[in-house]
Amino acid sequence: MIRMPISEVADRYTIALLKQKNTDEDMSKEIDTYQDELRSYPDIESYIVRLLEVNSKIWKLEASLRAGKENEMMYAVIAETAIAIRNTNRERVAIKNEMVEKYGEGFKDIKINHVSQ
């Protein structure tokens, strides 16, 4: 089994927190497991706060797309929202890359010839 780098643990933790808050799904076991792992990393709190903020933005943007019906939404609105998701995901990747550099775990996510570059 491959151990998950702390950048992935932190990202998944913040997404689990959002699922717990915004759905009926019980994420408490998963959240507890991630918290146990996160406790052993110094200065992790600032990364958690930043990832939670950026993943919240992505969650809200995607929710706005899910709430609208494609034939009722103007394509310009869909395109603007998709671009906003891409740009916000770029912020998310940058935070995770900072964590890879700080803690020396995992690999940086580097986009080459990719639309989110």
PDB file of N, CA and C in Angstrom:
ATOM      1  N   MET A   1       0.845  -1.183   0.000  1.00  0.00           N
ATOM      2  CA  MET A   1       0.000   0.000   0.000  1.00  0.00           C
ATOM      3  C   MET A   1       0.889   1.245   0.000  1.00  0.00           C
ATOM      4  N   ILE A   2       0.563   2.214  -0.836  1.00  0.00           N
ATOM      5  CA  ILE A   2       1.293   3.465  -0.905  1.00  0.00           C
ATOM      6  C   ILE A   2       0.695   4.427   0.117  1.00  0.00           C
ATOM      7  N   ARG A   3       1.560   5.027   0.916  1.00  0.00           N
ATOM      8  CA  ARG A   3       1.122   6.012   1.898  1.00  0.00           C
ATOM      9  C   ARG A   3       0.739   7.294   1.172  1.00  0.00           C
ATOM     10  N   MET A   4      -0.331   7.919   1.594  1.00  0.00           N
ATOM     11  CA  MET A   4      -0.815   9.139   0.969  1.00  0.00           C
ATOM     12  C   MET A   4      -0.003  10.336   1.489  1.00  0.00           C
ATOM     13  N   PRO A   5       0.515  11.200   0.601  1.00  0.00           N
ATOM     14  CA  PRO A   5       1.245  12.387   1.049  1.00  0.00           C
ATOM     15  C   PRO A   5       0.326  13.320   1.842  1.00  0.00           C
ATOM     16  N   ILE A   6       0.922  14.090   2.734  1.00  0.00           N
ATOM     17  CA  ILE A   6       0.133  14.965   3.599  1.00  0.00           C
ATOM     18  C   ILE A   6      -0.666  15.998   2.809  1.00  0.00           C
ATOM     19  N   SER A   7      -0.185  16.398   1.644  1.00  0.00           N
ATOM     20  CA  SER A   7      -0.949  17.357   0.825  1.00  0.00           C
ATOM     21  C   SER A   7      -2.285  16.747   0.390  1.00  0.00           C
ATOM     22  N   GLU A   8      -2.284  15.452   0.086  1.00  0.00           N
ATOM     23  CA  GLU A   8      -3.525  14.760  -0.291  1.00  0.00           C
ATOM     24  C   GLU A   8      -4.424  14.543   0.913  1.00  0.00           C
ATOM     25  N   VAL A   9      -3.826  14.198   2.046  1.00  0.00           N
ATOM     26  CA  VAL A   9      -4.603  14.007   3.274  1.00  0.00           C
ATOM     27  C   VAL A   9      -5.324  15.308   3.634  1.00  0.00           C
ATOM     28  N   ALA A  10      -4.588  16.422   3.601  1.00  0.00           N
ATOM     29  CA  ALA A  10      -5.171  17.719   3.940  1.00  0.00           C
ATOM     30  C   ALA A  10      -6.289  18.096   2.969  1.00  0.00           C
ATOM     31  N   ASP A  11      -6.076  17.867   1.688  1.00  0.00           N
ATOM     32  CA  ASP A  11      -7.090  18.184   0.681  1.00  0.00           C
ATOM     33  C   ASP A  11      -8.341  17.343   0.901  1.00  0.00           C
ATOM     34  N   ARG A  12      -8.157  16.059   1.082  1.00  0.00           N
ATOM     35  CA  ARG A  12      -9.301  15.164   1.294  1.00  0.00           C
ATOM     36  C   ARG A  12     -10.021  15.472   2.601  1.00  0.00           C
ATOM     37  N   TYR A  13      -9.258  15.880   3.614  1.00  0.00           N
ATOM     38  CA  TYR A  13      -9.843  16.257   4.898  1.00  0.00           C
ATOM     39  C   TYR A  13     -10.791  17.442   4.711  1.00  0.00           C
ATOM     40  N   THR A  14     -10.336  18.475   4.003  1.00  0.00           N
ATOM     41  CA  THR A  14     -11.189  19.649   3.827  1.00  0.00           C
ATOM     42  C   THR A  14     -12.426  19.326   2.983  1.00  0.00           C
ATOM     43  N   ILE A  15     -12.273  18.444   2.018  1.00  0.00           N
ATOM     44  CA  ILE A  15     -13.432  18.032   1.215  1.00  0.00           C
ATOM     45  C   ILE A  15     -14.411  17.228   2.073  1.00  0.00           C
ATOM     46  N   ALA A  16     -13.886  16.370   2.947  1.00  0.00           N
ATOM     47  CA  ALA A  16     -14.751  15.616   3.862  1.00  0.00           C
ATOM     48  C   ALA A  16     -15.511  16.561   4.794  1.00  0.00           C
ATOM     49  N   LEU A  17     -14.843  17.616   5.266  1.00  0.00           N
ATOM     50  CA  LEU A  17     -15.517  18.613   6.106  1.00  0.00           C
ATOM     51  C   LEU A  17     -16.663  19.273   5.346  1.00  0.00           C
ATOM     52  N   LEU A  18     -16.431  19.591   4.076  1.00  0.00           N
ATOM     53  CA  LEU A  18     -17.477  20.205   3.258  1.00  0.00           C
ATOM     54  C   LEU A  18     -18.641  19.240   3.018  1.00  0.00           C
ATOM     55  N   LYS A  19     -18.328  17.975   2.787  1.00  0.00           N
ATOM     56  CA  LYS A  19     -19.393  16.973   2.602  1.00  0.00           C
ATOM     57  C   LYS A  19     -20.217  16.837   3.872  1.00  0.00           C
ATOM     58  N   GLN A  20     -19.537  16.830   5.021  1.00  0.00           N
ATOM     59  CA  GLN A  20     -20.227  16.716   6.312  1.00  0.00           C
ATOM     60  C   GLN A  20     -21.179  17.898   6.503  1.00  0.00           C
ATOM     61  N   LYS A  21     -20.716  19.079   6.127  1.00  0.00           N
ATOM     62  CA  LYS A  21     -21.495  20.299   6.318  1.00  0.00           C
ATOM     63  C   LYS A  21     -22.645  20.418   5.312  1.00  0.00           C
ATOM     64  N   ASN A  22     -22.410  20.005   4.075  1.00  0.00           N
ATOM     65  CA  ASN A  22     -23.352  20.305   2.990  1.00  0.00           C
ATOM     66  C   ASN A  22     -24.205  19.139   2.511  1.00  0.00           C
ATOM     67  N   THR A  23     -24.005  17.962   3.076  1.00  0.00           N
ATOM     68  CA  THR A  23     -24.810  16.808   2.666  1.00  0.00           C
ATOM     69  C   THR A  23     -25.300  16.073   3.905  1.00  0.00           C
ATOM     70  N   ASP A  24     -26.067  15.041   3.683  1.00  0.00           N
ATOM     71  CA  ASP A  24     -26.555  14.200   4.781  1.00  0.00           C
ATOM     72  C   ASP A  24     -25.588  13.060   5.096  1.00  0.00           C
ATOM     73  N   GLU A  25     -24.488  13.005   4.373  1.00  0.00           N
ATOM     74  CA  GLU A  25     -23.524  11.926   4.540  1.00  0.00           C
ATOM     75  C   GLU A  25     -22.737  12.096   5.843  1.00  0.00           C
ATOM     76  N   ASP A  26     -22.586  11.006   6.588  1.00  0.00           N
ATOM     77  CA  ASP A  26     -21.806  11.038   7.826  1.00  0.00           C
ATOM     78  C   ASP A  26     -20.339  10.799   7.481  1.00  0.00           C
ATOM     79  N   MET A  27     -19.547  11.830   7.625  1.00  0.00           N
ATOM     80  CA  MET A  27     -18.131  11.761   7.272  1.00  0.00           C
ATOM     81  C   MET A  27     -17.238  11.692   8.519  1.00  0.00           C
ATOM     82  N   SER A  28     -17.833  11.498   9.686  1.00  0.00           N
ATOM     83  CA  SER A  28     -17.086  11.613  10.940  1.00  0.00           C
ATOM     84  C   SER A  28     -15.920  10.636  11.046  1.00  0.00           C
ATOM     85  N   LYS A  29     -16.088   9.404  10.606  1.00  0.00           N
ATOM     86  CA  LYS A  29     -14.995   8.432  10.688  1.00  0.00           C
ATOM     87  C   LYS A  29     -13.820   8.856   9.794  1.00  0.00           C
ATOM     88  N   GLU A  30     -14.135   9.278   8.582  1.00  0.00           N
ATOM     89  CA  GLU A  30     -13.104   9.727   7.656  1.00  0.00           C
ATOM     90  C   GLU A  30     -12.404  10.983   8.195  1.00  0.00           C
ATOM     91  N   ILE A  31     -13.188  11.919   8.716  1.00  0.00           N
ATOM     92  CA  ILE A  31     -12.627  13.147   9.275  1.00  0.00           C
ATOM     93  C   ILE A  31     -11.689  12.821  10.436  1.00  0.00           C
ATOM     94  N   ASP A  32     -12.108  11.932  11.329  1.00  0.00           N
ATOM     95  CA  ASP A  32     -11.264  11.543  12.469  1.00  0.00           C
ATOM     96  C   ASP A  32      -9.952  10.907  12.004  1.00  0.00           C
ATOM     97  N   THR A  33     -10.025  10.069  10.980  1.00  0.00           N
ATOM     98  CA  THR A  33      -8.827   9.410  10.453  1.00  0.00           C
ATOM     99  C   THR A  33      -7.849  10.444   9.895  1.00  0.00           C
ATOM    100  N   TYR A  34      -8.372  11.384   9.124  1.00  0.00           N
ATOM    101  CA  TYR A  34      -7.510  12.431   8.566  1.00  0.00           C
ATOM    102  C   TYR A  34      -6.919  13.306   9.676  1.00  0.00           C
ATOM    103  N   GLN A  35      -7.737  13.651  10.668  1.00  0.00           N
ATOM    104  CA  GLN A  35      -7.246  14.484  11.772  1.00  0.00           C
ATOM    105  C   GLN A  35      -6.096  13.809  12.507  1.00  0.00           C
ATOM    106  N   ASP A  36      -6.209  12.505  12.721  1.00  0.00           N
ATOM    107  CA  ASP A  36      -5.132  11.772  13.389  1.00  0.00           C
ATOM    108  C   ASP A  36      -3.817  11.916  12.634  1.00  0.00           C
ATOM    109  N   GLU A  37      -3.872  11.842  11.317  1.00  0.00           N
ATOM    110  CA  GLU A  37      -2.673  11.969  10.495  1.00  0.00           C
ATOM    111  C   GLU A  37      -2.153  13.409  10.485  1.00  0.00           C
ATOM    112  N   LEU A  38      -3.049  14.361  10.413  1.00  0.00           N
ATOM    113  CA  LEU A  38      -2.659  15.765  10.314  1.00  0.00           C
ATOM    114  C   LEU A  38      -1.984  16.280  11.584  1.00  0.00           C
ATOM    115  N   ARG A  39      -2.346  15.726  12.727  1.00  0.00           N
ATOM    116  CA  ARG A  39      -1.808  16.196  14.017  1.00  0.00           C
ATOM    117  C   ARG A  39      -0.287  16.116  14.102  1.00  0.00           C
ATOM    118  N   SER A  40       0.309  15.224  13.382  1.00  0.00           N
ATOM    119  CA  SER A  40       1.755  15.019  13.505  1.00  0.00           C
ATOM    120  C   SER A  40       2.578  15.966  12.627  1.00  0.00           C
ATOM    121  N   TYR A  41       1.929  16.902  11.958  1.00  0.00           N
ATOM    122  CA  TYR A  41       2.643  17.828  11.068  1.00  0.00           C
ATOM    123  C   TYR A  41       2.640  19.238  11.650  1.00  0.00           C
ATOM    124  N   PRO A  42       3.831  19.810  11.833  1.00  0.00           N
ATOM    125  CA  PRO A  42       3.894  21.178  12.360  1.00  0.00           C
ATOM    126  C   PRO A  42       3.392  22.187  11.339  1.00  0.00           C
ATOM    127  N   ASP A  43       2.778  23.219  11.833  1.00  0.00           N
ATOM    128  CA  ASP A  43       2.329  24.351  10.997  1.00  0.00           C
ATOM    129  C   ASP A  43       1.338  23.946   9.909  1.00  0.00           C
ATOM    130  N   ILE A  44       0.571  22.905  10.145  1.00  0.00           N
ATOM    131  CA  ILE A  44      -0.365  22.414   9.131  1.00  0.00           C
ATOM    132  C   ILE A  44      -1.647  23.262   9.073  1.00  0.00           C
ATOM    133  N   GLU A  45      -1.960  23.951  10.171  1.00  0.00           N
ATOM    134  CA  GLU A  45      -3.239  24.655  10.281  1.00  0.00           C
ATOM    135  C   GLU A  45      -3.450  25.686   9.178  1.00  0.00           C
ATOM    136  N   SER A  46      -2.402  26.428   8.833  1.00  0.00           N
ATOM    137  CA  SER A  46      -2.566  27.469   7.816  1.00  0.00           C
ATOM    138  C   SER A  46      -2.898  26.849   6.450  1.00  0.00           C
ATOM    139  N   TYR A  47      -2.328  25.693   6.161  1.00  0.00           N
ATOM    140  CA  TYR A  47      -2.643  25.003   4.904  1.00  0.00           C
ATOM    141  C   TYR A  47      -4.093  24.505   4.905  1.00  0.00           C
ATOM    142  N   ILE A  48      -4.530  24.003   6.057  1.00  0.00           N
ATOM    143  CA  ILE A  48      -5.915  23.515   6.178  1.00  0.00           C
ATOM    144  C   ILE A  48      -6.895  24.665   5.939  1.00  0.00           C
ATOM    145  N   VAL A  49      -6.634  25.801   6.564  1.00  0.00           N
ATOM    146  CA  VAL A  49      -7.512  26.966   6.401  1.00  0.00           C
ATOM    147  C   VAL A  49      -7.574  27.378   4.929  1.00  0.00           C
ATOM    148  N   ARG A  50      -6.424  27.447   4.288  1.00  0.00           N
ATOM    149  CA  ARG A  50      -6.381  27.860   2.884  1.00  0.00           C
ATOM    150  C   ARG A  50      -7.058  26.842   1.966  1.00  0.00           C
ATOM    151  N   LEU A  51      -6.814  25.552   2.207  1.00  0.00           N
ATOM    152  CA  LEU A  51      -7.460  24.516   1.386  1.00  0.00           C
ATOM    153  C   LEU A  51      -8.967  24.506   1.609  1.00  0.00           C
ATOM    154  N   LEU A  52      -9.393  24.698   2.840  1.00  0.00           N
ATOM    155  CA  LEU A  52     -10.829  24.728   3.115  1.00  0.00           C
ATOM    156  C   LEU A  52     -11.485  25.904   2.386  1.00  0.00           C
ATOM    157  N   GLU A  53     -10.815  27.030   2.379  1.00  0.00           N
ATOM    158  CA  GLU A  53     -11.342  28.207   1.682  1.00  0.00           C
ATOM    159  C   GLU A  53     -11.453  27.959   0.176  1.00  0.00           C
ATOM    160  N   VAL A  54     -10.397  27.444  -0.420  1.00  0.00           N
ATOM    161  CA  VAL A  54     -10.398  27.240  -1.868  1.00  0.00           C
ATOM    162  C   VAL A  54     -11.353  26.105  -2.259  1.00  0.00           C
ATOM    163  N   ASN A  55     -11.400  25.037  -1.478  1.00  0.00           N
ATOM    164  CA  ASN A  55     -12.334  23.951  -1.788  1.00  0.00           C
ATOM    165  C   ASN A  55     -13.779  24.382  -1.570  1.00  0.00           C
ATOM    166  N   SER A  56     -14.024  25.297  -0.644  1.00  0.00           N
ATOM    167  CA  SER A  56     -15.374  25.856  -0.457  1.00  0.00           C
ATOM    168  C   SER A  56     -15.801  26.640  -1.692  1.00  0.00           C
ATOM    169  N   LYS A  57     -14.866  27.413  -2.251  1.00  0.00           N
ATOM    170  CA  LYS A  57     -15.175  28.161  -3.476  1.00  0.00           C
ATOM    171  C   LYS A  57     -15.540  27.207  -4.603  1.00  0.00           C
ATOM    172  N   ILE A  58     -14.731  26.159  -4.767  1.00  0.00           N
ATOM    173  CA  ILE A  58     -14.998  25.182  -5.824  1.00  0.00           C
ATOM    174  C   ILE A  58     -16.345  24.502  -5.577  1.00  0.00           C
ATOM    175  N   TRP A  59     -16.616  24.131  -4.340  1.00  0.00           N
ATOM    176  CA  TRP A  59     -17.884  23.481  -3.986  1.00  0.00           C
ATOM    177  C   TRP A  59     -19.058  24.363  -4.398  1.00  0.00           C
ATOM    178  N   LYS A  60     -18.999  25.654  -4.061  1.00  0.00           N
ATOM    179  CA  LYS A  60     -20.090  26.580  -4.373  1.00  0.00           C
ATOM    180  C   LYS A  60     -20.243  26.777  -5.879  1.00  0.00           C
ATOM    181  N   LEU A  61     -19.130  26.886  -6.576  1.00  0.00           N
ATOM    182  CA  LEU A  61     -19.200  27.044  -8.027  1.00  0.00           C
ATOM    183  C   LEU A  61     -19.825  25.814  -8.684  1.00  0.00           C
ATOM    184  N   GLU A  62     -19.389  24.639  -8.266  1.00  0.00           N
ATOM    185  CA  GLU A  62     -19.954  23.418  -8.844  1.00  0.00           C
ATOM    186  C   GLU A  62     -21.424  23.263  -8.466  1.00  0.00           C
ATOM    187  N   ALA A  63     -21.783  23.673  -7.255  1.00  0.00           N
ATOM    188  CA  ALA A  63     -23.184  23.608  -6.831  1.00  0.00           C
ATOM    189  C   ALA A  63     -24.051  24.511  -7.699  1.00  0.00           C
ATOM    190  N   SER A  64     -23.514  25.661  -8.087  1.00  0.00           N
ATOM    191  CA  SER A  64     -24.294  26.563  -8.939  1.00  0.00           C
ATOM    192  C   SER A  64     -24.550  25.930 -10.306  1.00  0.00           C
ATOM    193  N   LEU A  65     -23.576  25.169 -10.805  1.00  0.00           N
ATOM    194  CA  LEU A  65     -23.787  24.464 -12.074  1.00  0.00           C
ATOM    195  C   LEU A  65     -24.819  23.348 -11.914  1.00  0.00           C
ATOM    196  N   ARG A  66     -24.717  22.593 -10.813  1.00  0.00           N
ATOM    197  CA  ARG A  66     -25.666  21.502 -10.589  1.00  0.00           C
ATOM    198  C   ARG A  66     -27.084  22.017 -10.390  1.00  0.00           C
ATOM    199  N   ALA A  67     -27.222  23.183  -9.785  1.00  0.00           N
ATOM    200  CA  ALA A  67     -28.546  23.740  -9.494  1.00  0.00           C
ATOM    201  C   ALA A  67     -29.250  24.221 -10.756  1.00  0.00           C
ATOM    202  N   GLY A  68     -28.479  24.698 -11.719  1.00  0.00           N
ATOM    203  CA  GLY A  68     -29.063  25.181 -12.971  1.00  0.00           C
ATOM    204  C   GLY A  68     -29.273  24.044 -13.942  1.00  0.00           C
ATOM    205  N   LYS A  69     -30.231  24.236 -14.796  1.00  0.00           N
ATOM    206  CA  LYS A  69     -30.455  23.255 -15.860  1.00  0.00           C
ATOM    207  C   LYS A  69     -29.812  23.805 -17.116  1.00  0.00           C
ATOM    208  N   GLU A  70     -29.064  22.947 -17.788  1.00  0.00           N
ATOM    209  CA  GLU A  70     -28.274  23.397 -18.941  1.00  0.00           C
ATOM    210  C   GLU A  70     -29.111  24.161 -19.951  1.00  0.00           C
ATOM    211  N   ASN A  71     -30.304  23.693 -20.237  1.00  0.00           N
ATOM    212  CA  ASN A  71     -31.099  24.378 -21.258  1.00  0.00           C
ATOM    213  C   ASN A  71     -31.686  25.691 -20.738  1.00  0.00           C
ATOM    214  N   GLU A  72     -31.652  25.897 -19.405  1.00  0.00           N
ATOM    215  CA  GLU A  72     -32.144  27.153 -18.848  1.00  0.00           C
ATOM    216  C   GLU A  72     -31.009  28.134 -18.564  1.00  0.00           C
ATOM    217  N   MET A  73     -29.786  27.630 -18.451  1.00  0.00           N
ATOM    218  CA  MET A  73     -28.643  28.501 -18.173  1.00  0.00           C
ATOM    219  C   MET A  73     -28.041  28.953 -19.497  1.00  0.00           C
ATOM    220  N   MET A  74     -27.641  30.175 -19.521  1.00  0.00           N
ATOM    221  CA  MET A  74     -26.975  30.686 -20.716  1.00  0.00           C
ATOM    222  C   MET A  74     -25.580  30.069 -20.769  1.00  0.00           C
ATOM    223  N   TYR A  75     -25.150  29.724 -21.962  1.00  0.00           N
ATOM    224  CA  TYR A  75     -23.838  29.104 -22.125  1.00  0.00           C
ATOM    225  C   TYR A  75     -22.717  30.007 -21.621  1.00  0.00           C
ATOM    226  N   ALA A  76     -22.905  31.301 -21.691  1.00  0.00           N
ATOM    227  CA  ALA A  76     -21.888  32.226 -21.183  1.00  0.00           C
ATOM    228  C   ALA A  76     -21.721  32.062 -19.673  1.00  0.00           C
ATOM    229  N   VAL A  77     -22.817  31.841 -18.962  1.00  0.00           N
ATOM    230  CA  VAL A  77     -22.761  31.643 -17.508  1.00  0.00           C
ATOM    231  C   VAL A  77     -22.065  30.323 -17.194  1.00  0.00           C
ATOM    232  N   ILE A  78     -22.387  29.290 -17.952  1.00  0.00           N
ATOM    233  CA  ILE A  78     -21.742  27.987 -17.769  1.00  0.00           C
ATOM    234  C   ILE A  78     -20.239  28.121 -18.023  1.00  0.00           C
ATOM    235  N   ALA A  79     -19.869  28.801 -19.083  1.00  0.00           N
ATOM    236  CA  ALA A  79     -18.456  28.987 -19.421  1.00  0.00           C
ATOM    237  C   ALA A  79     -17.730  29.790 -18.349  1.00  0.00           C
ATOM    238  N   GLU A  80     -18.332  30.874 -17.876  1.00  0.00           N
ATOM    239  CA  GLU A  80     -17.717  31.692 -16.826  1.00  0.00           C
ATOM    240  C   GLU A  80     -17.503  30.876 -15.551  1.00  0.00           C
ATOM    241  N   THR A  81     -18.477  30.063 -15.208  1.00  0.00           N
ATOM    242  CA  THR A  81     -18.378  29.247 -13.999  1.00  0.00           C
ATOM    243  C   THR A  81     -17.293  28.186 -14.166  1.00  0.00           C
ATOM    244  N   ALA A  82     -17.233  27.568 -15.332  1.00  0.00           N
ATOM    245  CA  ALA A  82     -16.192  26.568 -15.592  1.00  0.00           C
ATOM    246  C   ALA A  82     -14.797  27.184 -15.508  1.00  0.00           C
ATOM    247  N   ILE A  83     -14.651  28.382 -16.032  1.00  0.00           N
ATOM    248  CA  ILE A  83     -13.356  29.072 -15.963  1.00  0.00           C
ATOM    249  C   ILE A  83     -13.022  29.422 -14.517  1.00  0.00           C
ATOM    250  N   ALA A  84     -14.011  29.845 -13.756  1.00  0.00           N
ATOM    251  CA  ALA A  84     -13.784  30.158 -12.340  1.00  0.00           C
ATOM    252  C   ALA A  84     -13.365  28.912 -11.564  1.00  0.00           C
ATOM    253  N   ILE A  85     -13.978  27.773 -11.876  1.00  0.00           N
ATOM    254  CA  ILE A  85     -13.587  26.507 -11.234  1.00  0.00           C
ATOM    255  C   ILE A  85     -12.147  26.183 -11.592  1.00  0.00           C
ATOM    256  N   ARG A  86     -11.798  26.303 -12.862  1.00  0.00           N
ATOM    257  CA  ARG A  86     -10.424  26.020 -13.293  1.00  0.00           C
ATOM    258  C   ARG A  86      -9.425  26.915 -12.578  1.00  0.00           C
ATOM    259  N   ASN A  87      -9.722  28.205 -12.500  1.00  0.00           N
ATOM    260  CA  ASN A  87      -8.811  29.147 -11.860  1.00  0.00           C
ATOM    261  C   ASN A  87      -8.687  28.891 -10.362  1.00  0.00           C
ATOM    262  N   THR A  88      -9.781  28.547  -9.730  1.00  0.00           N
ATOM    263  CA  THR A  88      -9.757  28.247  -8.301  1.00  0.00           C
ATOM    264  C   THR A  88      -9.014  26.941  -8.053  1.00  0.00           C
ATOM    265  N   ASN A  89      -9.172  25.988  -8.935  1.00  0.00           N
ATOM    266  CA  ASN A  89      -8.425  24.732  -8.807  1.00  0.00           C
ATOM    267  C   ASN A  89      -6.926  24.981  -8.945  1.00  0.00           C
ATOM    268  N   ARG A  90      -6.560  25.950  -9.748  1.00  0.00           N
ATOM    269  CA  ARG A  90      -5.150  26.331  -9.882  1.00  0.00           C
ATOM    270  C   ARG A  90      -4.603  26.779  -8.518  1.00  0.00           C
ATOM    271  N   GLU A  91      -5.405  27.539  -7.764  1.00  0.00           N
ATOM    272  CA  GLU A  91      -5.016  27.968  -6.411  1.00  0.00           C
ATOM    273  C   GLU A  91      -4.842  26.752  -5.496  1.00  0.00           C
ATOM    274  N   ARG A  92      -5.774  25.802  -5.610  1.00  0.00           N
ATOM    275  CA  ARG A  92      -5.737  24.579  -4.809  1.00  0.00           C
ATOM    276  C   ARG A  92      -4.451  23.799  -5.080  1.00  0.00           C
ATOM    277  N   VAL A  93      -4.108  23.638  -6.339  1.00  0.00           N
ATOM    278  CA  VAL A  93      -2.893  22.912  -6.718  1.00  0.00           C
ATOM    279  C   VAL A  93      -1.655  23.629  -6.185  1.00  0.00           C
ATOM    280  N   ALA A  94      -1.650  24.959  -6.230  1.00  0.00           N
ATOM    281  CA  ALA A  94      -0.510  25.723  -5.725  1.00  0.00           C
ATOM    282  C   ALA A  94      -0.312  25.497  -4.226  1.00  0.00           C
ATOM    283  N   ILE A  95      -1.393  25.448  -3.467  1.00  0.00           N
ATOM    284  CA  ILE A  95      -1.303  25.199  -2.024  1.00  0.00           C
ATOM    285  C   ILE A  95      -0.743  23.799  -1.775  1.00  0.00           C
ATOM    286  N   LYS A  96      -1.267  22.826  -2.500  1.00  0.00           N
ATOM    287  CA  LYS A  96      -0.784  21.451  -2.334  1.00  0.00           C
ATOM    288  C   LYS A  96       0.690  21.343  -2.726  1.00  0.00           C
ATOM    289  N   ASN A  97       1.111  22.056  -3.762  1.00  0.00           N
ATOM    290  CA  ASN A  97       2.517  22.048  -4.165  1.00  0.00           C
ATOM    291  C   ASN A  97       3.405  22.673  -3.091  1.00  0.00           C
ATOM    292  N   GLU A  98       2.920  23.720  -2.430  1.00  0.00           N
ATOM    293  CA  GLU A  98       3.657  24.311  -1.307  1.00  0.00           C
ATOM    294  C   GLU A  98       3.877  23.265  -0.206  1.00  0.00           C
ATOM    295  N   MET A  99       2.844  22.476   0.039  1.00  0.00           N
ATOM    296  CA  MET A  99       2.929  21.445   1.074  1.00  0.00           C
ATOM    297  C   MET A  99       3.946  20.367   0.685  1.00  0.00           C
ATOM    298  N   VAL A 100       3.955  19.986  -0.576  1.00  0.00           N
ATOM    299  CA  VAL A 100       4.925  18.995  -1.047  1.00  0.00           C
ATOM    300  C   VAL A 100       6.335  19.513  -0.791  1.00  0.00           C
ATOM    301  N   GLU A 101       6.545  20.780  -1.106  1.00  0.00           N
ATOM    302  CA  GLU A 101       7.865  21.375  -0.905  1.00  0.00           C
ATOM    303  C   GLU A 101       8.223  21.464   0.580  1.00  0.00           C
ATOM    304  N   LYS A 102       7.290  21.913   1.411  1.00  0.00           N
ATOM    305  CA  LYS A 102       7.566  22.089   2.846  1.00  0.00           C
ATOM    306  C   LYS A 102       7.829  20.768   3.552  1.00  0.00           C
ATOM    307  N   TYR A 103       6.978  19.773   3.303  1.00  0.00           N
ATOM    308  CA  TYR A 103       7.059  18.520   4.054  1.00  0.00           C
ATOM    309  C   TYR A 103       7.850  17.429   3.340  1.00  0.00           C
ATOM    310  N   GLY A 104       8.204  17.647   2.075  1.00  0.00           N
ATOM    311  CA  GLY A 104       9.022  16.685   1.343  1.00  0.00           C
ATOM    312  C   GLY A 104       8.335  15.363   1.074  1.00  0.00           C
ATOM    313  N   GLU A 105       7.008  15.412   0.910  1.00  0.00           N
ATOM    314  CA  GLU A 105       6.235  14.196   0.617  1.00  0.00           C
ATOM    315  C   GLU A 105       5.471  14.367  -0.688  1.00  0.00           C
ATOM    316  N   GLY A 106       5.407  13.311  -1.457  1.00  0.00           N
ATOM    317  CA  GLY A 106       4.624  13.328  -2.684  1.00  0.00           C
ATOM    318  C   GLY A 106       5.342  14.034  -3.811  1.00  0.00           C
ATOM    319  N   PHE A 107       4.565  14.395  -4.812  1.00  0.00           N
ATOM    320  CA  PHE A 107       5.097  15.020  -6.010  1.00  0.00           C
ATOM    321  C   PHE A 107       4.287  16.261  -6.319  1.00  0.00           C
ATOM    322  N   LYS A 108       4.961  17.277  -6.842  1.00  0.00           N
ATOM    323  CA  LYS A 108       4.256  18.479  -7.260  1.00  0.00           C
ATOM    324  C   LYS A 108       3.382  18.164  -8.465  1.00  0.00           C
ATOM    325  N   ASP A 109       2.262  18.834  -8.519  1.00  0.00           N
ATOM    326  CA  ASP A 109       1.346  18.724  -9.645  1.00  0.00           C
ATOM    327  C   ASP A 109       1.702  19.844 -10.613  1.00  0.00           C
ATOM    328  N   ILE A 110       2.341  19.493 -11.723  1.00  0.00           N
ATOM    329  CA  ILE A 110       2.781  20.475 -12.706  1.00  0.00           C
ATOM    330  C   ILE A 110       2.054  20.196 -14.010  1.00  0.00           C
ATOM    331  N   LYS A 111       1.294  21.183 -14.458  1.00  0.00           N
ATOM    332  CA  LYS A 111       0.531  21.033 -15.693  1.00  0.00           C
ATOM    333  C   LYS A 111       1.360  21.521 -16.870  1.00  0.00           C
ATOM    334  N   ILE A 112       1.456  20.705 -17.903  1.00  0.00           N
ATOM    335  CA  ILE A 112       2.166  21.073 -19.121  1.00  0.00           C
ATOM    336  C   ILE A 112       1.219  20.874 -20.294  1.00  0.00           C
ATOM    337  N   ASN A 113       1.068  21.919 -21.099  1.00  0.00           N
ATOM    338  CA  ASN A 113       0.124  21.869 -22.222  1.00  0.00           C
ATOM    339  C   ASN A 113      -1.265  21.457 -21.769  1.00  0.00           C
ATOM    340  N   HIS A 114      -1.695  22.032 -20.657  1.00  0.00           N
ATOM    341  CA  HIS A 114      -2.996  21.717 -20.058  1.00  0.00           C
ATOM    342  C   HIS A 114      -3.790  23.000 -19.940  1.00  0.00           C
ATOM    343  N   VAL A 115      -5.079  22.905 -20.112  1.00  0.00           N
ATOM    344  CA  VAL A 115      -5.937  24.096 -20.101  1.00  0.00           C
ATOM    345  C   VAL A 115      -5.865  24.847 -18.777  1.00  0.00           C
ATOM    346  N   SER A 116      -5.541  24.170 -17.680  1.00  0.00           N
ATOM    347  CA  SER A 116      -5.461  24.854 -16.389  1.00  0.00           C
ATOM    348  C   SER A 116      -4.085  25.429 -16.107  1.00  0.00           C
ATOM    349  N   GLN A 117      -3.190  25.317 -17.057  1.00  0.00           N
ATOM    350  CA  GLN A 117      -1.812  25.810 -16.901  1.00  0.00           C
ATOM    351  C   GLN A 117      -1.782  27.303 -16.713  1.00  0.00           C
TER     352      GLN A 117
END
